[in-house]
Amino acid sequence: MQDYTPQKKHQGFTLLELLIVIAMIMILGALAVPKMVTAVNDISLRYVASDLSGLLQSARMQAVRTNTATSTMAGTLPAGTPIYYIAAPGVAYAAGDTILTLNPNVTVWRGPGSGAPGEAAFLASLNFAIDPAADPPSFSARGLPCIGAAPCNPILGQGFVMFVSHPGIVGNIPWAAVVVNPSAHIQVWTSDANGNWIQRD
């Protein structure tokens, strides 16, 4: 008598099931990737604003240490890379100056008129006058915000604001601001698309 053992069917996924799973993965990816890219852009922008804040703080300390007015000005390296550098007000970049190298896609705007969301309300909330000429942020020998070349006179109740933006890959433009108030405290703020500004430090 022959022993009969029924063979097990080897079942796998059908083509339809595989297509459904792939479609679900693509939908989830399409939802998650823009949020991830936005988060990466926001973090990158915060780093730029924080670095700019550090450069301003260095300029302030250098002004006090050397007992001379010091400024942070925009420039470019010979290769065309945009930078901010520390020097005496109005002095061109020279090799050896302290610099901050910027991503070419990052835009830094001094003073009002940047187009940042909720800019007018944000500037009004700071409760001090912003330099109307959008001069490079400078510090007097006492470490206070000042305007012009030597002796770089402090103007009572006036400070600086630098707006920083970076166009996002998915169309959003994150914004940050570096604020130097009249007593030379330096703060970093960031904004959402609705114009809500949050102080980061």
N, C-alpha and C. Protein backbone atom coordinates (compact mmCIF):
# COMPACT_ATOMS: atom_id res chain seq x y z
N MET A 1 0.84 -1.17 0.00
CA MET A 1 0.00 0.00 0.00
C MET A 1 0.89 1.24 0.00
N GLN A 2 0.54 2.15 -0.90
CA GLN A 2 1.37 3.34 -1.05
C GLN A 2 0.92 4.41 -0.06
N ASP A 3 1.96 5.01 0.57
CA ASP A 3 1.68 6.07 1.56
C ASP A 3 1.43 7.37 0.81
N TYR A 4 0.29 8.00 1.07
CA TYR A 4 -0.03 9.25 0.37
C TYR A 4 0.03 10.40 1.37
N THR A 5 0.93 11.36 1.11
CA THR A 5 1.03 12.56 1.95
C THR A 5 0.69 13.76 1.07
N PRO A 6 -0.35 14.50 1.44
CA PRO A 6 -0.71 15.65 0.59
C PRO A 6 0.41 16.70 0.60
N GLN A 7 0.72 17.25 -0.55
CA GLN A 7 1.76 18.26 -0.65
C GLN A 7 1.23 19.62 -0.20
N LYS A 8 2.09 20.33 0.55
CA LYS A 8 1.70 21.67 1.00
C LYS A 8 1.93 22.64 -0.14
N LYS A 9 0.97 23.55 -0.26
CA LYS A 9 1.12 24.59 -1.27
C LYS A 9 2.04 25.66 -0.73
N HIS A 10 3.00 26.08 -1.51
CA HIS A 10 3.87 27.20 -1.12
C HIS A 10 3.19 28.48 -1.57
N GLN A 11 2.61 29.19 -0.58
CA GLN A 11 1.90 30.41 -0.94
C GLN A 11 2.82 31.61 -0.78
N GLY A 12 2.72 32.57 -1.67
CA GLY A 12 3.46 33.82 -1.59
C GLY A 12 2.50 34.99 -1.72
N PHE A 13 3.08 36.16 -1.96
CA PHE A 13 2.24 37.34 -2.13
C PHE A 13 1.84 37.44 -3.59
N THR A 14 0.63 37.88 -3.80
CA THR A 14 0.19 38.09 -5.18
C THR A 14 0.74 39.44 -5.66
N LEU A 15 0.71 39.61 -6.94
CA LEU A 15 1.19 40.86 -7.52
C LEU A 15 0.36 42.04 -7.01
N LEU A 16 -0.92 41.84 -6.86
CA LEU A 16 -1.80 42.91 -6.37
C LEU A 16 -1.42 43.31 -4.95
N GLU A 17 -1.16 42.33 -4.09
CA GLU A 17 -0.77 42.64 -2.71
C GLU A 17 0.55 43.42 -2.68
N LEU A 18 1.51 43.01 -3.50
CA LEU A 18 2.78 43.73 -3.56
C LEU A 18 2.59 45.17 -4.04
N LEU A 19 1.74 45.36 -5.03
CA LEU A 19 1.48 46.71 -5.54
C LEU A 19 0.82 47.59 -4.48
N ILE A 20 -0.08 47.02 -3.69
CA ILE A 20 -0.74 47.78 -2.62
C ILE A 20 0.27 48.21 -1.57
N VAL A 21 1.16 47.30 -1.18
CA VAL A 21 2.18 47.63 -0.18
C VAL A 21 3.11 48.72 -0.70
N ILE A 22 3.55 48.60 -1.96
CA ILE A 22 4.44 49.61 -2.55
C ILE A 22 3.74 50.97 -2.60
N ALA A 23 2.45 50.97 -2.97
CA ALA A 23 1.70 52.23 -3.04
C ALA A 23 1.60 52.87 -1.65
N MET A 24 1.38 52.06 -0.61
CA MET A 24 1.28 52.59 0.75
C MET A 24 2.62 53.19 1.19
N ILE A 25 3.72 52.51 0.86
CA ILE A 25 5.05 53.02 1.22
C ILE A 25 5.30 54.35 0.51
N MET A 26 4.91 54.45 -0.76
CA MET A 26 5.13 55.69 -1.50
C MET A 26 4.29 56.83 -0.94
N ILE A 27 3.06 56.55 -0.53
CA ILE A 27 2.19 57.58 0.05
C ILE A 27 2.77 58.07 1.37
N LEU A 28 3.20 57.14 2.21
CA LEU A 28 3.79 57.52 3.50
C LEU A 28 5.08 58.33 3.29
N GLY A 29 5.87 57.91 2.30
CA GLY A 29 7.11 58.64 2.00
C GLY A 29 6.81 60.05 1.50
N ALA A 30 5.78 60.18 0.65
CA ALA A 30 5.42 61.50 0.12
C ALA A 30 4.95 62.42 1.24
N LEU A 31 4.35 61.87 2.28
CA LEU A 31 3.91 62.68 3.41
C LEU A 31 5.06 63.02 4.35
N ALA A 32 5.98 62.10 4.53
CA ALA A 32 7.04 62.28 5.52
C ALA A 32 8.23 63.09 5.00
N VAL A 33 8.60 62.91 3.74
CA VAL A 33 9.81 63.55 3.22
C VAL A 33 9.75 65.08 3.29
N PRO A 34 8.65 65.74 2.86
CA PRO A 34 8.64 67.21 2.97
C PRO A 34 8.80 67.71 4.41
N LYS A 35 8.18 67.03 5.36
CA LYS A 35 8.32 67.44 6.76
C LYS A 35 9.76 67.27 7.23
N MET A 36 10.39 66.19 6.80
CA MET A 36 11.77 65.94 7.17
C MET A 36 12.70 66.99 6.56
N VAL A 37 12.46 67.34 5.29
CA VAL A 37 13.28 68.34 4.60
C VAL A 37 13.11 69.69 5.28
N THR A 38 11.86 70.03 5.65
CA THR A 38 11.60 71.30 6.35
C THR A 38 12.34 71.34 7.68
N ALA A 39 12.31 70.24 8.41
CA ALA A 39 13.00 70.19 9.70
C ALA A 39 14.51 70.36 9.51
N VAL A 40 15.07 69.72 8.49
CA VAL A 40 16.51 69.84 8.22
C VAL A 40 16.85 71.29 7.85
N ASN A 41 16.01 71.92 6.99
CA ASN A 41 16.24 73.32 6.61
C ASN A 41 16.19 74.23 7.84
N ASP A 42 15.21 74.01 8.72
CA ASP A 42 15.07 74.84 9.92
C ASP A 42 16.29 74.70 10.82
N ILE A 43 16.77 73.48 11.00
CA ILE A 43 17.94 73.25 11.85
C ILE A 43 19.17 73.91 11.23
N SER A 44 19.31 73.77 9.91
CA SER A 44 20.44 74.39 9.21
C SER A 44 20.41 75.91 9.37
N LEU A 45 19.22 76.50 9.25
CA LEU A 45 19.09 77.95 9.40
C LEU A 45 19.41 78.39 10.81
N ARG A 46 18.99 77.61 11.80
CA ARG A 46 19.30 77.95 13.20
C ARG A 46 20.80 77.93 13.43
N TYR A 47 21.50 76.99 12.81
CA TYR A 47 22.96 76.94 12.95
C TYR A 47 23.60 78.20 12.36
N VAL A 48 23.11 78.64 11.19
CA VAL A 48 23.65 79.85 10.57
C VAL A 48 23.42 81.05 11.49
N ALA A 49 22.19 81.19 12.02
CA ALA A 49 21.87 82.31 12.90
C ALA A 49 22.71 82.25 14.17
N SER A 50 22.91 81.05 14.69
CA SER A 50 23.72 80.88 15.90
C SER A 50 25.18 81.25 15.63
N ASP A 51 25.69 80.83 14.45
CA ASP A 51 27.07 81.18 14.07
C ASP A 51 27.23 82.69 13.90
N LEU A 52 26.22 83.33 13.30
CA LEU A 52 26.25 84.78 13.11
C LEU A 52 26.21 85.48 14.47
N SER A 53 25.41 84.95 15.38
CA SER A 53 25.35 85.49 16.74
C SER A 53 26.72 85.38 17.42
N GLY A 54 27.39 84.25 17.23
CA GLY A 54 28.72 84.05 17.80
C GLY A 54 29.74 85.02 17.22
N LEU A 55 29.63 85.29 15.91
CA LEU A 55 30.54 86.24 15.26
C LEU A 55 30.33 87.65 15.83
N LEU A 56 29.08 88.04 16.03
CA LEU A 56 28.78 89.35 16.61
C LEU A 56 29.34 89.44 18.03
N GLN A 57 29.19 88.36 18.79
CA GLN A 57 29.71 88.36 20.16
C GLN A 57 31.24 88.48 20.14
N SER A 58 31.88 87.81 19.18
CA SER A 58 33.34 87.92 19.05
C SER A 58 33.75 89.35 18.72
N ALA A 59 32.98 90.00 17.83
CA ALA A 59 33.29 91.39 17.46
C ALA A 59 33.16 92.29 18.68
N ARG A 60 32.14 92.05 19.46
CA ARG A 60 31.94 92.87 20.67
C ARG A 60 33.10 92.69 21.64
N MET A 61 33.50 91.45 21.88
CA MET A 61 34.62 91.19 22.80
C MET A 61 35.92 91.79 22.27
N GLN A 62 36.13 91.70 20.94
CA GLN A 62 37.35 92.26 20.35
C GLN A 62 37.37 93.79 20.51
N ALA A 63 36.19 94.43 20.37
CA ALA A 63 36.12 95.88 20.54
C ALA A 63 36.53 96.29 21.95
N VAL A 64 36.04 95.56 22.94
CA VAL A 64 36.37 95.87 24.34
C VAL A 64 37.84 95.58 24.61
N ARG A 65 38.33 94.44 24.12
CA ARG A 65 39.71 94.02 24.38
C ARG A 65 40.73 94.98 23.75
N THR A 66 40.44 95.44 22.53
CA THR A 66 41.39 96.31 21.83
C THR A 66 41.10 97.80 22.04
N ASN A 67 39.98 98.09 22.71
CA ASN A 67 39.57 99.47 22.99
C ASN A 67 39.40 100.29 21.70
N THR A 68 38.90 99.60 20.65
CA THR A 68 38.62 100.28 19.38
C THR A 68 37.30 99.76 18.82
N ALA A 69 36.64 100.58 18.02
CA ALA A 69 35.39 100.16 17.40
C ALA A 69 35.64 98.98 16.47
N THR A 70 34.69 98.03 16.49
CA THR A 70 34.82 96.83 15.66
C THR A 70 33.48 96.56 14.99
N SER A 71 33.52 96.04 13.78
CA SER A 71 32.31 95.81 13.01
C SER A 71 32.28 94.42 12.42
N THR A 72 31.08 93.96 12.07
CA THR A 72 30.93 92.71 11.32
C THR A 72 30.35 93.09 9.96
N MET A 73 31.09 92.82 8.91
CA MET A 73 30.68 93.26 7.58
C MET A 73 30.62 92.09 6.60
N ALA A 74 29.80 92.28 5.57
CA ALA A 74 29.67 91.27 4.52
C ALA A 74 30.80 91.43 3.53
N GLY A 75 31.24 90.31 2.98
CA GLY A 75 32.29 90.34 1.97
C GLY A 75 32.29 89.03 1.20
N THR A 76 33.28 88.86 0.36
CA THR A 76 33.44 87.60 -0.37
C THR A 76 34.91 87.22 -0.39
N LEU A 77 35.16 85.94 -0.35
CA LEU A 77 36.52 85.44 -0.50
C LEU A 77 36.90 85.52 -1.98
N PRO A 78 38.20 85.42 -2.30
CA PRO A 78 38.61 85.47 -3.71
C PRO A 78 37.87 84.46 -4.59
N ALA A 79 37.49 83.32 -4.03
CA ALA A 79 36.78 82.30 -4.82
C ALA A 79 35.31 82.65 -5.00
N GLY A 80 34.84 83.74 -4.37
CA GLY A 80 33.45 84.16 -4.52
C GLY A 80 32.54 83.68 -3.40
N THR A 81 33.08 82.99 -2.41
CA THR A 81 32.27 82.50 -1.29
C THR A 81 31.86 83.67 -0.40
N PRO A 82 30.54 83.81 -0.12
CA PRO A 82 30.10 84.90 0.74
C PRO A 82 30.53 84.68 2.19
N ILE A 83 30.93 85.77 2.85
CA ILE A 83 31.38 85.69 4.24
C ILE A 83 30.89 86.90 5.02
N TYR A 84 30.94 86.79 6.32
CA TYR A 84 30.89 87.94 7.23
C TYR A 84 32.22 87.94 7.96
N TYR A 85 32.81 89.12 8.15
CA TYR A 85 34.12 89.18 8.78
C TYR A 85 34.16 90.30 9.82
N ILE A 86 35.13 90.20 10.73
CA ILE A 86 35.31 91.20 11.79
C ILE A 86 36.49 92.09 11.44
N ALA A 87 36.24 93.40 11.46
CA ALA A 87 37.30 94.39 11.20
C ALA A 87 36.84 95.74 11.74
N ALA A 88 37.70 96.73 11.64
CA ALA A 88 37.30 98.10 12.00
C ALA A 88 36.20 98.55 11.04
N PRO A 89 35.25 99.37 11.50
CA PRO A 89 34.15 99.80 10.62
C PRO A 89 34.65 100.38 9.31
N GLY A 90 34.08 99.88 8.20
CA GLY A 90 34.42 100.40 6.88
C GLY A 90 35.68 99.85 6.27
N VAL A 91 36.40 98.97 6.97
CA VAL A 91 37.66 98.42 6.46
C VAL A 91 37.38 97.15 5.67
N ALA A 92 37.97 97.05 4.48
CA ALA A 92 37.77 95.88 3.62
C ALA A 92 38.38 94.63 4.24
N TYR A 93 37.87 93.49 3.79
CA TYR A 93 38.37 92.19 4.28
C TYR A 93 39.85 92.02 3.93
N ALA A 94 40.60 91.51 4.89
CA ALA A 94 42.01 91.18 4.67
C ALA A 94 42.26 89.78 5.20
N ALA A 95 43.15 89.06 4.57
CA ALA A 95 43.48 87.71 5.03
C ALA A 95 43.87 87.76 6.50
N GLY A 96 43.33 86.84 7.26
CA GLY A 96 43.62 86.79 8.68
C GLY A 96 42.49 87.32 9.55
N ASP A 97 41.54 88.07 8.93
CA ASP A 97 40.38 88.53 9.69
C ASP A 97 39.53 87.33 10.10
N THR A 98 38.87 87.45 11.24
CA THR A 98 37.95 86.40 11.68
C THR A 98 36.75 86.41 10.74
N ILE A 99 36.40 85.23 10.20
CA ILE A 99 35.30 85.17 9.22
C ILE A 99 34.29 84.09 9.58
N LEU A 100 33.09 84.26 9.01
CA LEU A 100 32.04 83.25 9.01
C LEU A 100 31.69 83.00 7.56
N THR A 101 31.91 81.77 7.08
CA THR A 101 31.60 81.42 5.70
C THR A 101 30.12 81.06 5.61
N LEU A 102 29.44 81.61 4.61
CA LEU A 102 28.01 81.37 4.45
C LEU A 102 27.72 80.48 3.25
N ASN A 103 26.66 79.69 3.37
CA ASN A 103 26.13 78.95 2.23
C ASN A 103 25.61 79.97 1.22
N PRO A 104 25.95 79.85 -0.07
CA PRO A 104 25.49 80.83 -1.06
C PRO A 104 23.97 80.96 -1.13
N ASN A 105 23.23 79.94 -0.70
CA ASN A 105 21.77 80.00 -0.74
C ASN A 105 21.18 80.77 0.44
N VAL A 106 21.99 81.06 1.45
CA VAL A 106 21.52 81.80 2.62
C VAL A 106 21.58 83.29 2.33
N THR A 107 20.50 83.99 2.67
CA THR A 107 20.45 85.44 2.48
C THR A 107 20.42 86.11 3.85
N VAL A 108 21.29 87.10 4.03
CA VAL A 108 21.31 87.89 5.27
C VAL A 108 20.88 89.30 4.92
N TRP A 109 19.87 89.80 5.64
CA TRP A 109 19.32 91.12 5.37
C TRP A 109 19.44 91.96 6.63
N ARG A 110 20.10 93.10 6.54
CA ARG A 110 20.25 93.97 7.71
C ARG A 110 19.10 94.95 7.78
N GLY A 111 18.46 95.03 8.94
CA GLY A 111 17.39 96.00 9.17
C GLY A 111 16.07 95.59 8.57
N PRO A 112 15.10 96.53 8.59
CA PRO A 112 13.75 96.23 8.10
C PRO A 112 13.72 96.10 6.58
N GLY A 113 12.61 95.53 6.08
CA GLY A 113 12.42 95.38 4.64
C GLY A 113 12.85 94.04 4.09
N SER A 114 13.05 93.06 4.96
CA SER A 114 13.53 91.74 4.52
C SER A 114 12.45 90.91 3.86
N GLY A 115 11.18 91.19 4.19
CA GLY A 115 10.09 90.37 3.70
C GLY A 115 9.79 89.18 4.58
N ALA A 116 10.41 89.11 5.75
CA ALA A 116 10.14 88.01 6.68
C ALA A 116 8.69 88.08 7.15
N PRO A 117 8.06 86.93 7.40
CA PRO A 117 6.67 86.95 7.85
C PRO A 117 6.53 87.65 9.21
N GLY A 118 5.55 88.53 9.31
CA GLY A 118 5.32 89.22 10.58
C GLY A 118 6.45 90.14 11.00
N GLU A 119 7.23 90.64 10.02
CA GLU A 119 8.42 91.43 10.34
C GLU A 119 8.08 92.69 11.13
N ALA A 120 7.06 93.45 10.67
CA ALA A 120 6.73 94.72 11.33
C ALA A 120 6.34 94.51 12.79
N ALA A 121 5.51 93.50 13.04
CA ALA A 121 5.09 93.22 14.41
C ALA A 121 6.27 92.76 15.26
N PHE A 122 7.15 91.97 14.67
CA PHE A 122 8.32 91.48 15.39
C PHE A 122 9.24 92.64 15.79
N LEU A 123 9.53 93.53 14.83
CA LEU A 123 10.39 94.67 15.13
C LEU A 123 9.77 95.57 16.19
N ALA A 124 8.45 95.77 16.12
CA ALA A 124 7.77 96.60 17.12
C ALA A 124 7.85 95.96 18.50
N SER A 125 7.81 94.62 18.55
CA SER A 125 7.84 93.93 19.85
C SER A 125 9.21 94.03 20.54
N LEU A 126 10.25 94.39 19.79
CA LEU A 126 11.59 94.48 20.39
C LEU A 126 11.74 95.71 21.29
N ASN A 127 10.89 96.70 21.08
CA ASN A 127 10.86 97.91 21.93
C ASN A 127 12.15 98.72 21.90
N PHE A 128 12.83 98.75 20.77
CA PHE A 128 13.94 99.68 20.61
C PHE A 128 14.05 100.06 19.14
N ALA A 129 14.72 101.16 18.86
CA ALA A 129 14.86 101.65 17.48
C ALA A 129 15.87 100.80 16.72
N ILE A 130 15.52 100.46 15.50
CA ILE A 130 16.41 99.69 14.63
C ILE A 130 17.15 100.68 13.73
N ASP A 131 18.43 100.45 13.53
CA ASP A 131 19.23 101.31 12.65
C ASP A 131 18.54 101.45 11.30
N PRO A 132 18.06 102.66 10.95
CA PRO A 132 17.30 102.81 9.71
C PRO A 132 18.15 102.69 8.45
N ALA A 133 19.45 102.92 8.56
CA ALA A 133 20.32 102.85 7.39
C ALA A 133 20.84 101.45 7.12
N ALA A 134 20.48 100.51 7.98
CA ALA A 134 20.93 99.11 7.84
C ALA A 134 22.45 99.03 7.74
N ASP A 135 23.15 99.78 8.61
CA ASP A 135 24.61 99.72 8.66
C ASP A 135 25.07 98.36 9.17
N PRO A 136 26.32 97.97 8.89
CA PRO A 136 26.85 96.74 9.48
C PRO A 136 26.86 96.88 11.01
N PRO A 137 26.48 95.84 11.74
CA PRO A 137 26.49 95.91 13.20
C PRO A 137 27.91 96.18 13.71
N SER A 138 28.05 97.26 14.47
CA SER A 138 29.35 97.66 15.01
C SER A 138 29.25 97.84 16.51
N PHE A 139 30.40 97.77 17.17
CA PHE A 139 30.46 97.93 18.62
C PHE A 139 31.54 98.95 18.96
N SER A 140 31.22 99.82 19.92
CA SER A 140 32.18 100.83 20.37
C SER A 140 33.22 100.18 21.25
N ALA A 141 34.21 100.96 21.67
CA ALA A 141 35.27 100.46 22.54
C ALA A 141 34.70 99.97 23.87
N ARG A 142 33.50 100.42 24.23
CA ARG A 142 32.85 99.96 25.47
C ARG A 142 31.96 98.74 25.21
N GLY A 143 31.89 98.28 23.95
CA GLY A 143 31.10 97.09 23.63
C GLY A 143 29.63 97.37 23.38
N LEU A 144 29.26 98.63 23.13
CA LEU A 144 27.87 98.98 22.86
C LEU A 144 27.64 99.15 21.37
N PRO A 145 26.42 98.88 20.89
CA PRO A 145 26.15 99.07 19.46
C PRO A 145 26.41 100.52 19.06
N CYS A 146 27.05 100.71 17.91
CA CYS A 146 27.36 102.07 17.46
C CYS A 146 27.24 102.14 15.95
N ILE A 147 27.22 103.38 15.44
CA ILE A 147 27.00 103.63 14.03
C ILE A 147 28.19 104.40 13.46
N GLY A 148 28.59 104.04 12.25
CA GLY A 148 29.62 104.80 11.54
C GLY A 148 31.03 104.34 11.84
N ALA A 149 31.96 104.97 11.15
CA ALA A 149 33.38 104.66 11.37
C ALA A 149 33.85 105.31 12.66
N ALA A 150 35.15 105.22 12.96
CA ALA A 150 35.69 105.75 14.21
C ALA A 150 35.25 107.19 14.40
N PRO A 151 34.79 107.60 15.57
CA PRO A 151 34.80 106.83 16.81
C PRO A 151 33.61 105.91 17.00
N CYS A 152 32.74 105.75 15.97
CA CYS A 152 31.59 104.84 16.02
C CYS A 152 30.72 105.16 17.24
N ASN A 153 29.91 106.19 17.09
CA ASN A 153 29.12 106.70 18.22
C ASN A 153 27.90 105.85 18.52
N PRO A 154 27.77 105.42 19.79
CA PRO A 154 26.54 104.73 20.19
C PRO A 154 25.37 105.70 20.13
N ILE A 155 24.22 105.22 19.66
CA ILE A 155 23.00 106.03 19.63
C ILE A 155 22.05 105.44 20.65
N LEU A 156 21.69 106.26 21.64
CA LEU A 156 20.88 105.80 22.76
C LEU A 156 19.60 105.12 22.28
N GLY A 157 19.34 103.93 22.77
CA GLY A 157 18.11 103.22 22.46
C GLY A 157 18.04 102.61 21.08
N GLN A 158 19.18 102.46 20.40
CA GLN A 158 19.18 101.90 19.05
C GLN A 158 20.01 100.63 18.99
N GLY A 159 19.53 99.66 18.23
CA GLY A 159 20.25 98.40 18.07
C GLY A 159 20.18 97.92 16.63
N PHE A 160 20.53 96.66 16.43
CA PHE A 160 20.58 96.08 15.08
C PHE A 160 19.74 94.81 15.02
N VAL A 161 19.21 94.54 13.83
CA VAL A 161 18.55 93.26 13.56
C VAL A 161 19.05 92.78 12.21
N MET A 162 19.43 91.49 12.17
CA MET A 162 19.84 90.86 10.91
C MET A 162 18.91 89.68 10.66
N PHE A 163 18.19 89.72 9.55
CA PHE A 163 17.29 88.62 9.18
C PHE A 163 18.06 87.64 8.31
N VAL A 164 17.81 86.35 8.52
CA VAL A 164 18.49 85.29 7.78
C VAL A 164 17.42 84.38 7.18
N SER A 165 17.54 84.08 5.90
CA SER A 165 16.57 83.17 5.26
C SER A 165 17.31 82.16 4.40
N HIS A 166 16.62 81.05 4.17
CA HIS A 166 17.17 79.98 3.33
C HIS A 166 16.02 79.34 2.60
N PRO A 167 15.92 79.51 1.26
CA PRO A 167 14.80 78.91 0.54
C PRO A 167 14.76 77.40 0.74
N GLY A 168 13.59 76.90 1.11
CA GLY A 168 13.42 75.47 1.34
C GLY A 168 13.27 74.71 0.03
N ILE A 169 13.56 73.42 0.09
CA ILE A 169 13.45 72.58 -1.10
C ILE A 169 11.99 72.41 -1.51
N VAL A 170 11.08 72.43 -0.52
CA VAL A 170 9.67 72.20 -0.83
C VAL A 170 8.87 73.49 -0.86
N GLY A 171 9.54 74.64 -1.06
CA GLY A 171 8.82 75.87 -1.27
C GLY A 171 8.70 76.77 -0.05
N ASN A 172 8.87 76.25 1.15
CA ASN A 172 8.78 77.12 2.32
C ASN A 172 10.10 77.85 2.52
N ILE A 173 10.03 79.04 3.10
CA ILE A 173 11.25 79.80 3.37
C ILE A 173 11.35 80.02 4.87
N PRO A 174 12.19 79.26 5.56
CA PRO A 174 12.35 79.49 6.99
C PRO A 174 13.12 80.79 7.24
N TRP A 175 12.80 81.46 8.33
CA TRP A 175 13.43 82.73 8.68
C TRP A 175 13.97 82.69 10.10
N ALA A 176 15.06 83.40 10.29
CA ALA A 176 15.63 83.60 11.63
C ALA A 176 16.05 85.06 11.72
N ALA A 177 16.25 85.52 12.93
CA ALA A 177 16.73 86.89 13.13
C ALA A 177 17.76 86.89 14.25
N VAL A 178 18.81 87.67 14.05
CA VAL A 178 19.82 87.88 15.09
C VAL A 178 19.67 89.33 15.54
N VAL A 179 19.39 89.50 16.81
CA VAL A 179 19.06 90.82 17.37
C VAL A 179 20.18 91.28 18.30
N VAL A 180 20.63 92.52 18.11
CA VAL A 180 21.57 93.16 19.04
C VAL A 180 20.81 94.33 19.66
N ASN A 181 20.45 94.20 20.94
CA ASN A 181 19.67 95.28 21.55
C ASN A 181 20.58 96.42 22.01
N PRO A 182 20.02 97.57 22.45
CA PRO A 182 20.86 98.72 22.79
C PRO A 182 21.88 98.46 23.89
N SER A 183 21.63 97.45 24.74
CA SER A 183 22.63 97.14 25.78
C SER A 183 23.59 96.05 25.34
N ALA A 184 23.58 95.72 24.03
CA ALA A 184 24.50 94.77 23.39
C ALA A 184 24.23 93.32 23.75
N HIS A 185 23.03 92.99 24.21
CA HIS A 185 22.67 91.58 24.36
C HIS A 185 22.30 91.04 22.98
N ILE A 186 22.81 89.88 22.65
CA ILE A 186 22.59 89.30 21.32
C ILE A 186 21.67 88.09 21.46
N GLN A 187 20.60 88.09 20.65
CA GLN A 187 19.59 87.03 20.73
C GLN A 187 19.35 86.44 19.35
N VAL A 188 18.95 85.17 19.34
CA VAL A 188 18.55 84.50 18.09
C VAL A 188 17.06 84.19 18.18
N TRP A 189 16.32 84.56 17.13
CA TRP A 189 14.89 84.29 17.03
C TRP A 189 14.64 83.49 15.76
N THR A 190 13.57 82.69 15.75
CA THR A 190 13.15 82.01 14.52
C THR A 190 11.66 82.25 14.33
N SER A 191 11.22 82.12 13.07
CA SER A 191 9.82 82.37 12.73
C SER A 191 9.24 81.18 12.00
N ASP A 192 7.93 80.97 12.20
CA ASP A 192 7.24 79.99 11.38
C ASP A 192 6.59 80.73 10.21
N ALA A 193 5.90 79.99 9.36
CA ALA A 193 5.30 80.60 8.15
C ALA A 193 4.19 81.58 8.50
N ASN A 194 3.64 81.48 9.71
CA ASN A 194 2.55 82.38 10.12
C ASN A 194 3.06 83.67 10.75
N GLY A 195 4.36 83.84 10.83
CA GLY A 195 4.90 85.06 11.40
C GLY A 195 5.01 85.06 12.91
N ASN A 196 4.95 83.88 13.52
CA ASN A 196 5.14 83.79 14.98
C ASN A 196 6.62 83.66 15.27
N TRP A 197 7.18 84.60 16.02
CA TRP A 197 8.62 84.61 16.32
C TRP A 197 8.87 84.07 17.71
N ILE A 198 9.88 83.18 17.80
CA ILE A 198 10.21 82.52 19.06
C ILE A 198 11.68 82.79 19.37
N GLN A 199 11.95 83.26 20.59
CA GLN A 199 13.35 83.51 20.99
C GLN A 199 14.01 82.19 21.30
N ARG A 200 15.18 81.94 20.68
CA ARG A 200 15.90 80.67 20.87
C ARG A 200 17.00 80.80 21.92
N ASP A 201 17.62 81.95 22.04
CA ASP A 201 18.63 82.17 23.10
C ASP A 201 18.84 83.64 23.34
